[in-house]
Amino acid sequence: MDGFWDFIGSYWWLVFPLSGVVGGWFKGAQKWDERRRRDKIELYRLKHADKLATAEAEEALTSEIDRTLAEHDRTNERWLEYELDAVKSLEFPVITDMREQVTVDFHRARRDADGLRPDDPEELRDRKRLERYRAAVREYQLTFDIAEREAKRRRASDFTSEERRALDRAKKLLALADDEGATQVERQSAYRRATKELEGILVLPDAATEALEQRIAGMLEQAPEPDPGA
């Protein structure tokens, strides 16, 4: 043992080149391990290429189905903002006026998209069916965009000055009818007066009328409007 340390003491300068050799060998071993790991991964990918490709294709298809369904839902939500809000439908009457071609177009596209949407999304894994449904959703989205832009551009400009004043009065009355802070009698009276203001000018969407009536009382009483002078 003493001889070993005597040898090290006599040839201490060999430590430096030997450490380089050891370090180089260690780095080479690390690189070899890394290459071996990459080779194993590549071999696995080659061996299971068909399964991996199928899994990736299925994942992409699922994402496409979810995205198309979400676009359909978002467009429906945008439409219902007008269909269920009586005041908003008065601010932008074109969007609910079935005499307008842009409104007819988007309602037709909406029906087409709704008709192609299956109850079970798994049915859309049929590529041809998905393509038809996706095209219908895009058409619905596009035609609604056009109708909404036209409604915001024109607002109530198609009505006479007197009709616009009546629309403004109706909007204020409908806001009162929808005010939970007002009394039941005030809300019902405001609703009846609003409908009178709109007679011969504009018909509110059925859905907006029903939603408002439910919020007011579920079913408006048919009693005559109270006399303000009584």
C-alpha atoms as a PDB file:
ATOM      1  CA  MET A   1       0.000   0.000   0.000  1.00  0.00           C
ATOM      2  CA  ASP A   2       2.874   2.327   0.849  1.00  0.00           C
ATOM      3  CA  GLY A   3       4.335   1.544  -2.531  1.00  0.00           C
ATOM      4  CA  PHE A   4       1.148   2.754  -4.263  1.00  0.00           C
ATOM      5  CA  TRP A   5       1.235   6.094  -2.513  1.00  0.00           C
ATOM      6  CA  ASP A   6       4.977   6.385  -3.204  1.00  0.00           C
ATOM      7  CA  PHE A   7       4.147   5.831  -6.876  1.00  0.00           C
ATOM      8  CA  ILE A   8       1.415   8.508  -6.777  1.00  0.00           C
ATOM      9  CA  GLY A   9       3.773  10.883  -5.018  1.00  0.00           C
ATOM     10  CA  SER A  10       6.449  10.328  -7.652  1.00  0.00           C
ATOM     11  CA  TYR A  11       4.113  10.581 -10.637  1.00  0.00           C
ATOM     12  CA  TRP A  12       1.517  13.099  -9.372  1.00  0.00           C
ATOM     13  CA  TRP A  13       1.657  14.930 -12.694  1.00  0.00           C
ATOM     14  CA  LEU A  14      -0.152  11.975 -14.338  1.00  0.00           C
ATOM     15  CA  VAL A  15      -3.323  12.940 -12.441  1.00  0.00           C
ATOM     16  CA  PHE A  16      -4.080  15.754 -14.881  1.00  0.00           C
ATOM     17  CA  PRO A  17      -3.950  13.846 -18.187  1.00  0.00           C
ATOM     18  CA  LEU A  18      -5.661  10.859 -16.563  1.00  0.00           C
ATOM     19  CA  SER A  19      -8.487  13.074 -15.263  1.00  0.00           C
ATOM     20  CA  GLY A  20      -9.001  14.322 -18.818  1.00  0.00           C
ATOM     21  CA  VAL A  21      -9.172  10.783 -20.087  1.00  0.00           C
ATOM     22  CA  VAL A  22     -11.667   9.783 -17.367  1.00  0.00           C
ATOM     23  CA  GLY A  23     -13.753  12.907 -17.972  1.00  0.00           C
ATOM     24  CA  GLY A  24     -13.811  12.250 -21.705  1.00  0.00           C
ATOM     25  CA  TRP A  25     -14.825   8.663 -21.137  1.00  0.00           C
ATOM     26  CA  PHE A  26     -17.652   9.793 -18.779  1.00  0.00           C
ATOM     27  CA  LYS A  27     -18.962  12.315 -21.295  1.00  0.00           C
ATOM     28  CA  GLY A  28     -18.790   9.723 -24.049  1.00  0.00           C
ATOM     29  CA  ALA A  29     -20.784   7.312 -21.888  1.00  0.00           C
ATOM     30  CA  GLN A  30     -23.429  10.021 -21.307  1.00  0.00           C
ATOM     31  CA  LYS A  31     -23.719  10.683 -25.052  1.00  0.00           C
ATOM     32  CA  TRP A  32     -23.982   6.975 -25.730  1.00  0.00           C
ATOM     33  CA  ASP A  33     -26.792   6.656 -23.166  1.00  0.00           C
ATOM     34  CA  GLU A  34     -28.604   9.607 -24.730  1.00  0.00           C
ATOM     35  CA  ARG A  35     -28.278   8.111 -28.246  1.00  0.00           C
ATOM     36  CA  ARG A  36     -29.498   4.783 -26.903  1.00  0.00           C
ATOM     37  CA  ARG A  37     -32.519   6.457 -25.289  1.00  0.00           C
ATOM     38  CA  ARG A  38     -33.397   8.306 -28.521  1.00  0.00           C
ATOM     39  CA  ASP A  39     -32.979   5.112 -30.520  1.00  0.00           C
ATOM     40  CA  LYS A  40     -35.392   3.296 -28.197  1.00  0.00           C
ATOM     41  CA  ILE A  41     -37.966   6.078 -28.572  1.00  0.00           C
ATOM     42  CA  GLU A  42     -37.620   6.061 -32.346  1.00  0.00           C
ATOM     43  CA  LEU A  43     -37.845   2.274 -32.435  1.00  0.00           C
ATOM     44  CA  TYR A  44     -41.026   2.443 -30.355  1.00  0.00           C
ATOM     45  CA  ARG A  45     -42.513   5.058 -32.678  1.00  0.00           C
ATOM     46  CA  LEU A  46     -41.697   2.962 -35.736  1.00  0.00           C
ATOM     47  CA  LYS A  47     -43.090  -0.166 -34.124  1.00  0.00           C
ATOM     48  CA  HIS A  48     -46.322   1.556 -33.057  1.00  0.00           C
ATOM     49  CA  ALA A  49     -46.581   4.107 -35.882  1.00  0.00           C
ATOM     50  CA  ASP A  50     -50.020   2.961 -37.023  1.00  0.00           C
ATOM     51  CA  LYS A  51     -51.474   3.069 -33.514  1.00  0.00           C
ATOM     52  CA  LEU A  52     -49.967   6.477 -32.804  1.00  0.00           C
ATOM     53  CA  ALA A  53     -51.226   7.882 -36.117  1.00  0.00           C
ATOM     54  CA  THR A  54     -54.715   6.542 -35.413  1.00  0.00           C
ATOM     55  CA  ALA A  55     -54.716   8.014 -31.907  1.00  0.00           C
ATOM     56  CA  GLU A  56     -53.555  11.409 -33.193  1.00  0.00           C
ATOM     57  CA  ALA A  57     -56.199  11.372 -35.934  1.00  0.00           C
ATOM     58  CA  GLU A  58     -58.923  10.506 -33.407  1.00  0.00           C
ATOM     59  CA  GLU A  59     -57.762  13.289 -31.098  1.00  0.00           C
ATOM     60  CA  ALA A  60     -57.790  15.804 -33.970  1.00  0.00           C
ATOM     61  CA  LEU A  61     -61.280  14.672 -35.000  1.00  0.00           C
ATOM     62  CA  THR A  62     -62.591  15.048 -31.449  1.00  0.00           C
ATOM     63  CA  SER A  63     -61.141  18.564 -31.262  1.00  0.00           C
ATOM     64  CA  GLU A  64     -62.749  19.471 -34.589  1.00  0.00           C
ATOM     65  CA  ILE A  65     -66.159  18.191 -33.465  1.00  0.00           C
ATOM     66  CA  ASP A  66     -65.954  20.082 -30.158  1.00  0.00           C
ATOM     67  CA  ARG A  67     -64.906  23.279 -31.928  1.00  0.00           C
ATOM     68  CA  THR A  68     -67.779  23.093 -34.437  1.00  0.00           C
ATOM     69  CA  LEU A  69     -70.358  22.432 -31.715  1.00  0.00           C
ATOM     70  CA  ALA A  70     -68.986  25.364 -29.695  1.00  0.00           C
ATOM     71  CA  GLU A  71     -69.237  27.699 -32.721  1.00  0.00           C
ATOM     72  CA  HIS A  72     -72.855  26.631 -33.217  1.00  0.00           C
ATOM     73  CA  ASP A  73     -73.617  27.304 -29.535  1.00  0.00           C
ATOM     74  CA  ARG A  74     -71.941  30.731 -29.604  1.00  0.00           C
ATOM     75  CA  THR A  75     -73.953  31.813 -32.647  1.00  0.00           C
ATOM     76  CA  ASN A  76     -77.167  30.626 -30.991  1.00  0.00           C
ATOM     77  CA  GLU A  77     -76.292  32.622 -27.884  1.00  0.00           C
ATOM     78  CA  ARG A  78     -75.712  35.763 -29.963  1.00  0.00           C
ATOM     79  CA  TRP A  79     -79.083  35.324 -31.678  1.00  0.00           C
ATOM     80  CA  LEU A  80     -80.912  34.698 -28.392  1.00  0.00           C
ATOM     81  CA  GLU A  81     -79.554  37.960 -26.973  1.00  0.00           C
ATOM     82  CA  TYR A  82     -81.948  39.685 -29.382  1.00  0.00           C
ATOM     83  CA  GLU A  83     -84.667  37.050 -29.388  1.00  0.00           C
ATOM     84  CA  LEU A  84     -85.094  37.053 -25.585  1.00  0.00           C
ATOM     85  CA  ASP A  85     -84.455  40.743 -24.863  1.00  0.00           C
ATOM     86  CA  ALA A  86     -87.482  42.880 -25.779  1.00  0.00           C
ATOM     87  CA  VAL A  87     -85.639  46.183 -25.337  1.00  0.00           C
ATOM     88  CA  LYS A  88     -82.674  45.070 -27.454  1.00  0.00           C
ATOM     89  CA  SER A  89     -84.986  43.845 -30.209  1.00  0.00           C
ATOM     90  CA  LEU A  90     -86.492  47.367 -30.327  1.00  0.00           C
ATOM     91  CA  GLU A  91     -83.059  48.955 -30.573  1.00  0.00           C
ATOM     92  CA  PHE A  92     -82.120  46.736 -33.540  1.00  0.00           C
ATOM     93  CA  PRO A  93     -85.447  45.758 -35.159  1.00  0.00           C
ATOM     94  CA  VAL A  94     -83.921  44.381 -38.369  1.00  0.00           C
ATOM     95  CA  ILE A  95     -82.508  41.371 -36.521  1.00  0.00           C
ATOM     96  CA  THR A  96     -86.016  40.116 -35.629  1.00  0.00           C
ATOM     97  CA  ASP A  97     -87.978  41.410 -38.639  1.00  0.00           C
ATOM     98  CA  MET A  98     -88.805  38.469 -40.905  1.00  0.00           C
ATOM     99  CA  ARG A  99     -89.653  40.905 -43.721  1.00  0.00           C
ATOM    100  CA  GLU A 100     -85.910  41.562 -44.049  1.00  0.00           C
ATOM    101  CA  GLN A 101     -84.020  39.258 -46.418  1.00  0.00           C
ATOM    102  CA  VAL A 102     -80.892  39.229 -44.237  1.00  0.00           C
ATOM    103  CA  THR A 103     -83.043  38.038 -41.331  1.00  0.00           C
ATOM    104  CA  VAL A 104     -84.716  35.358 -43.448  1.00  0.00           C
ATOM    105  CA  ASP A 105     -81.294  34.175 -44.645  1.00  0.00           C
ATOM    106  CA  PHE A 106     -79.816  33.677 -41.206  1.00  0.00           C
ATOM    107  CA  HIS A 107     -82.959  31.969 -39.884  1.00  0.00           C
ATOM    108  CA  ARG A 108     -82.835  29.538 -42.817  1.00  0.00           C
ATOM    109  CA  ALA A 109     -79.158  28.872 -42.119  1.00  0.00           C
ATOM    110  CA  ARG A 110     -79.935  28.414 -38.418  1.00  0.00           C
ATOM    111  CA  ARG A 111     -82.583  25.792 -39.193  1.00  0.00           C
ATOM    112  CA  ASP A 112     -80.156  23.976 -41.515  1.00  0.00           C
ATOM    113  CA  ALA A 113     -77.433  23.890 -38.849  1.00  0.00           C
ATOM    114  CA  ASP A 114     -79.880  22.759 -36.168  1.00  0.00           C
ATOM    115  CA  GLY A 115     -81.181  20.037 -38.463  1.00  0.00           C
ATOM    116  CA  LEU A 116     -77.706  18.637 -39.116  1.00  0.00           C
ATOM    117  CA  ARG A 117     -76.685  18.642 -35.456  1.00  0.00           C
ATOM    118  CA  PRO A 118     -77.133  15.142 -34.006  1.00  0.00           C
ATOM    119  CA  ASP A 119     -78.243  14.456 -30.446  1.00  0.00           C
ATOM    120  CA  ASP A 120     -75.155  12.300 -30.001  1.00  0.00           C
ATOM    121  CA  PRO A 121     -71.910  14.103 -31.015  1.00  0.00           C
ATOM    122  CA  GLU A 122     -70.299  10.700 -31.661  1.00  0.00           C
ATOM    123  CA  GLU A 123     -72.324  10.530 -34.880  1.00  0.00           C
ATOM    124  CA  LEU A 124     -70.156  13.374 -36.197  1.00  0.00           C
ATOM    125  CA  ARG A 125     -67.156  11.050 -36.264  1.00  0.00           C
ATOM    126  CA  ASP A 126     -68.428  10.232 -39.736  1.00  0.00           C
ATOM    127  CA  ARG A 127     -66.244  12.624 -41.742  1.00  0.00           C
ATOM    128  CA  LYS A 128     -68.836  13.342 -44.428  1.00  0.00           C
ATOM    129  CA  ARG A 129     -71.504  14.124 -41.862  1.00  0.00           C
ATOM    130  CA  LEU A 130     -69.132  16.378 -39.955  1.00  0.00           C
ATOM    131  CA  GLU A 131     -68.200  18.280 -43.112  1.00  0.00           C
ATOM    132  CA  ARG A 132     -71.864  18.935 -43.940  1.00  0.00           C
ATOM    133  CA  TYR A 133     -72.601  20.061 -40.403  1.00  0.00           C
ATOM    134  CA  ARG A 134     -69.512  22.274 -40.215  1.00  0.00           C
ATOM    135  CA  ALA A 135     -70.399  23.959 -43.528  1.00  0.00           C
ATOM    136  CA  ALA A 136     -73.923  24.628 -42.224  1.00  0.00           C
ATOM    137  CA  VAL A 137     -72.580  26.137 -38.987  1.00  0.00           C
ATOM    138  CA  ARG A 138     -70.257  28.415 -40.938  1.00  0.00           C
ATOM    139  CA  GLU A 139     -73.143  29.554 -43.135  1.00  0.00           C
ATOM    140  CA  TYR A 140     -75.248  30.254 -40.041  1.00  0.00           C
ATOM    141  CA  GLN A 141     -72.397  32.210 -38.470  1.00  0.00           C
ATOM    142  CA  LEU A 142     -71.785  34.209 -41.657  1.00  0.00           C
ATOM    143  CA  THR A 143     -75.435  35.075 -42.340  1.00  0.00           C
ATOM    144  CA  PHE A 144     -75.970  36.097 -38.725  1.00  0.00           C
ATOM    145  CA  ASP A 145     -72.899  38.364 -38.871  1.00  0.00           C
ATOM    146  CA  ILE A 146     -74.369  40.047 -41.953  1.00  0.00           C
ATOM    147  CA  ALA A 147     -77.806  40.479 -40.358  1.00  0.00           C
ATOM    148  CA  GLU A 148     -76.330  41.857 -37.135  1.00  0.00           C
ATOM    149  CA  ARG A 149     -74.147  44.389 -38.968  1.00  0.00           C
ATOM    150  CA  GLU A 150     -77.142  45.533 -41.006  1.00  0.00           C
ATOM    151  CA  ALA A 151     -79.305  45.820 -37.881  1.00  0.00           C
ATOM    152  CA  LYS A 152     -76.677  47.915 -36.096  1.00  0.00           C
ATOM    153  CA  ARG A 153     -76.175  50.080 -39.165  1.00  0.00           C
ATOM    154  CA  ARG A 154     -79.854  50.859 -39.687  1.00  0.00           C
ATOM    155  CA  ARG A 155     -81.153  50.647 -36.106  1.00  0.00           C
ATOM    156  CA  ALA A 156     -84.599  52.356 -36.286  1.00  0.00           C
ATOM    157  CA  SER A 157     -83.836  54.572 -39.298  1.00  0.00           C
ATOM    158  CA  ASP A 158     -86.540  52.884 -41.406  1.00  0.00           C
ATOM    159  CA  PHE A 159     -89.296  54.224 -39.149  1.00  0.00           C
ATOM    160  CA  THR A 160     -90.926  57.651 -39.239  1.00  0.00           C
ATOM    161  CA  SER A 161     -90.170  60.256 -36.586  1.00  0.00           C
ATOM    162  CA  GLU A 162     -93.437  59.516 -34.783  1.00  0.00           C
ATOM    163  CA  GLU A 163     -92.779  55.769 -34.922  1.00  0.00           C
ATOM    164  CA  ARG A 164     -89.292  56.254 -33.500  1.00  0.00           C
ATOM    165  CA  ARG A 165     -90.761  58.271 -30.629  1.00  0.00           C
ATOM    166  CA  ALA A 166     -93.224  55.465 -30.007  1.00  0.00           C
ATOM    167  CA  LEU A 167     -90.358  52.958 -30.006  1.00  0.00           C
ATOM    168  CA  ASP A 168     -88.462  55.062 -27.476  1.00  0.00           C
ATOM    169  CA  ARG A 169     -91.521  55.233 -25.218  1.00  0.00           C
ATOM    170  CA  ALA A 170     -92.009  51.491 -25.563  1.00  0.00           C
ATOM    171  CA  LYS A 171     -88.379  50.815 -24.615  1.00  0.00           C
ATOM    172  CA  LYS A 172     -88.723  52.881 -21.436  1.00  0.00           C
ATOM    173  CA  LEU A 173     -91.982  51.157 -20.544  1.00  0.00           C
ATOM    174  CA  LEU A 174     -90.505  47.716 -21.150  1.00  0.00           C
ATOM    175  CA  ALA A 175     -87.540  48.596 -18.964  1.00  0.00           C
ATOM    176  CA  LEU A 176     -90.005  49.519 -16.202  1.00  0.00           C
ATOM    177  CA  ALA A 177     -91.943  46.305 -16.785  1.00  0.00           C
ATOM    178  CA  ASP A 178     -88.699  44.380 -16.288  1.00  0.00           C
ATOM    179  CA  ASP A 179     -87.706  46.335 -13.179  1.00  0.00           C
ATOM    180  CA  GLU A 180     -87.945  44.093 -10.129  1.00  0.00           C
ATOM    181  CA  GLY A 181     -87.976  47.172  -7.933  1.00  0.00           C
ATOM    182  CA  ALA A 182     -91.331  48.295  -9.342  1.00  0.00           C
ATOM    183  CA  THR A 183     -94.637  47.023  -8.003  1.00  0.00           C
ATOM    184  CA  GLN A 184     -96.573  44.288  -9.735  1.00  0.00           C
ATOM    185  CA  VAL A 185     -99.265  46.751 -10.820  1.00  0.00           C
ATOM    186  CA  GLU A 186     -96.658  49.178 -12.204  1.00  0.00           C
ATOM    187  CA  ARG A 187     -94.913  46.433 -14.143  1.00  0.00           C
ATOM    188  CA  GLN A 188     -98.116  45.041 -15.650  1.00  0.00           C
ATOM    189  CA  SER A 189     -99.394  48.515 -16.538  1.00  0.00           C
ATOM    190  CA  ALA A 190     -96.058  49.440 -18.169  1.00  0.00           C
ATOM    191  CA  TYR A 191     -96.096  46.234 -20.210  1.00  0.00           C
ATOM    192  CA  ARG A 192     -99.632  46.843 -21.504  1.00  0.00           C
ATOM    193  CA  ARG A 193     -98.831  50.433 -22.405  1.00  0.00           C
ATOM    194  CA  ALA A 194     -95.668  49.326 -24.229  1.00  0.00           C
ATOM    195  CA  THR A 195     -97.602  46.833 -26.359  1.00  0.00           C
ATOM    196  CA  LYS A 196    -100.084  49.599 -27.248  1.00  0.00           C
ATOM    197  CA  GLU A 197     -97.222  51.872 -28.320  1.00  0.00           C
ATOM    198  CA  LEU A 198     -95.959  49.138 -30.645  1.00  0.00           C
ATOM    199  CA  GLU A 199     -99.287  48.379 -32.311  1.00  0.00           C
ATOM    200  CA  GLY A 200     -98.971  48.713 -36.072  1.00  0.00           C
ATOM    201  CA  ILE A 201     -95.241  49.440 -35.812  1.00  0.00           C
ATOM    202  CA  LEU A 202     -93.390  46.369 -34.638  1.00  0.00           C
ATOM    203  CA  VAL A 203     -94.118  42.911 -33.270  1.00  0.00           C
ATOM    204  CA  LEU A 204     -91.871  41.691 -30.483  1.00  0.00           C
ATOM    205  CA  PRO A 205     -90.421  38.181 -30.837  1.00  0.00           C
ATOM    206  CA  ASP A 206     -92.589  35.572 -29.161  1.00  0.00           C
ATOM    207  CA  ALA A 207     -89.658  34.358 -27.093  1.00  0.00           C
ATOM    208  CA  ALA A 208     -88.946  37.871 -25.779  1.00  0.00           C
ATOM    209  CA  THR A 209     -92.614  38.392 -24.930  1.00  0.00           C
ATOM    210  CA  GLU A 210     -92.888  35.071 -23.120  1.00  0.00           C
ATOM    211  CA  ALA A 211     -89.648  35.614 -21.195  1.00  0.00           C
ATOM    212  CA  LEU A 212     -90.744  39.090 -20.106  1.00  0.00           C
ATOM    213  CA  GLU A 213     -94.203  37.926 -19.075  1.00  0.00           C
ATOM    214  CA  GLN A 214     -92.712  35.124 -17.012  1.00  0.00           C
ATOM    215  CA  ARG A 215     -90.429  37.568 -15.251  1.00  0.00           C
ATOM    216  CA  ILE A 216     -93.320  39.914 -14.541  1.00  0.00           C
ATOM    217  CA  ALA A 217     -95.920  37.485 -13.300  1.00  0.00           C
ATOM    218  CA  GLY A 218     -95.792  34.216 -15.191  1.00  0.00           C
ATOM    219  CA  MET A 219     -99.130  35.111 -16.727  1.00  0.00           C
ATOM    220  CA  LEU A 220    -100.441  38.663 -16.980  1.00  0.00           C
ATOM    221  CA  GLU A 221    -103.895  39.218 -15.543  1.00  0.00           C
ATOM    222  CA  GLN A 222    -106.509  40.227 -18.028  1.00  0.00           C
ATOM    223  CA  ALA A 223    -108.024  42.868 -15.732  1.00  0.00           C
ATOM    224  CA  PRO A 224    -108.495  46.346 -17.271  1.00  0.00           C
ATOM    225  CA  GLU A 225    -105.698  48.853 -16.748  1.00  0.00           C
ATOM    226  CA  PRO A 226    -106.370  51.033 -13.667  1.00  0.00           C
ATOM    227  CA  ASP A 227    -107.564  54.579 -14.280  1.00  0.00           C
ATOM    228  CA  PRO A 228    -104.717  56.985 -13.301  1.00  0.00           C
ATOM    229  CA  GLY A 229    -107.320  59.589 -12.279  1.00  0.00           C
ATOM    230  CA  ALA A 230    -109.158  57.265  -9.911  1.00  0.00           C
END
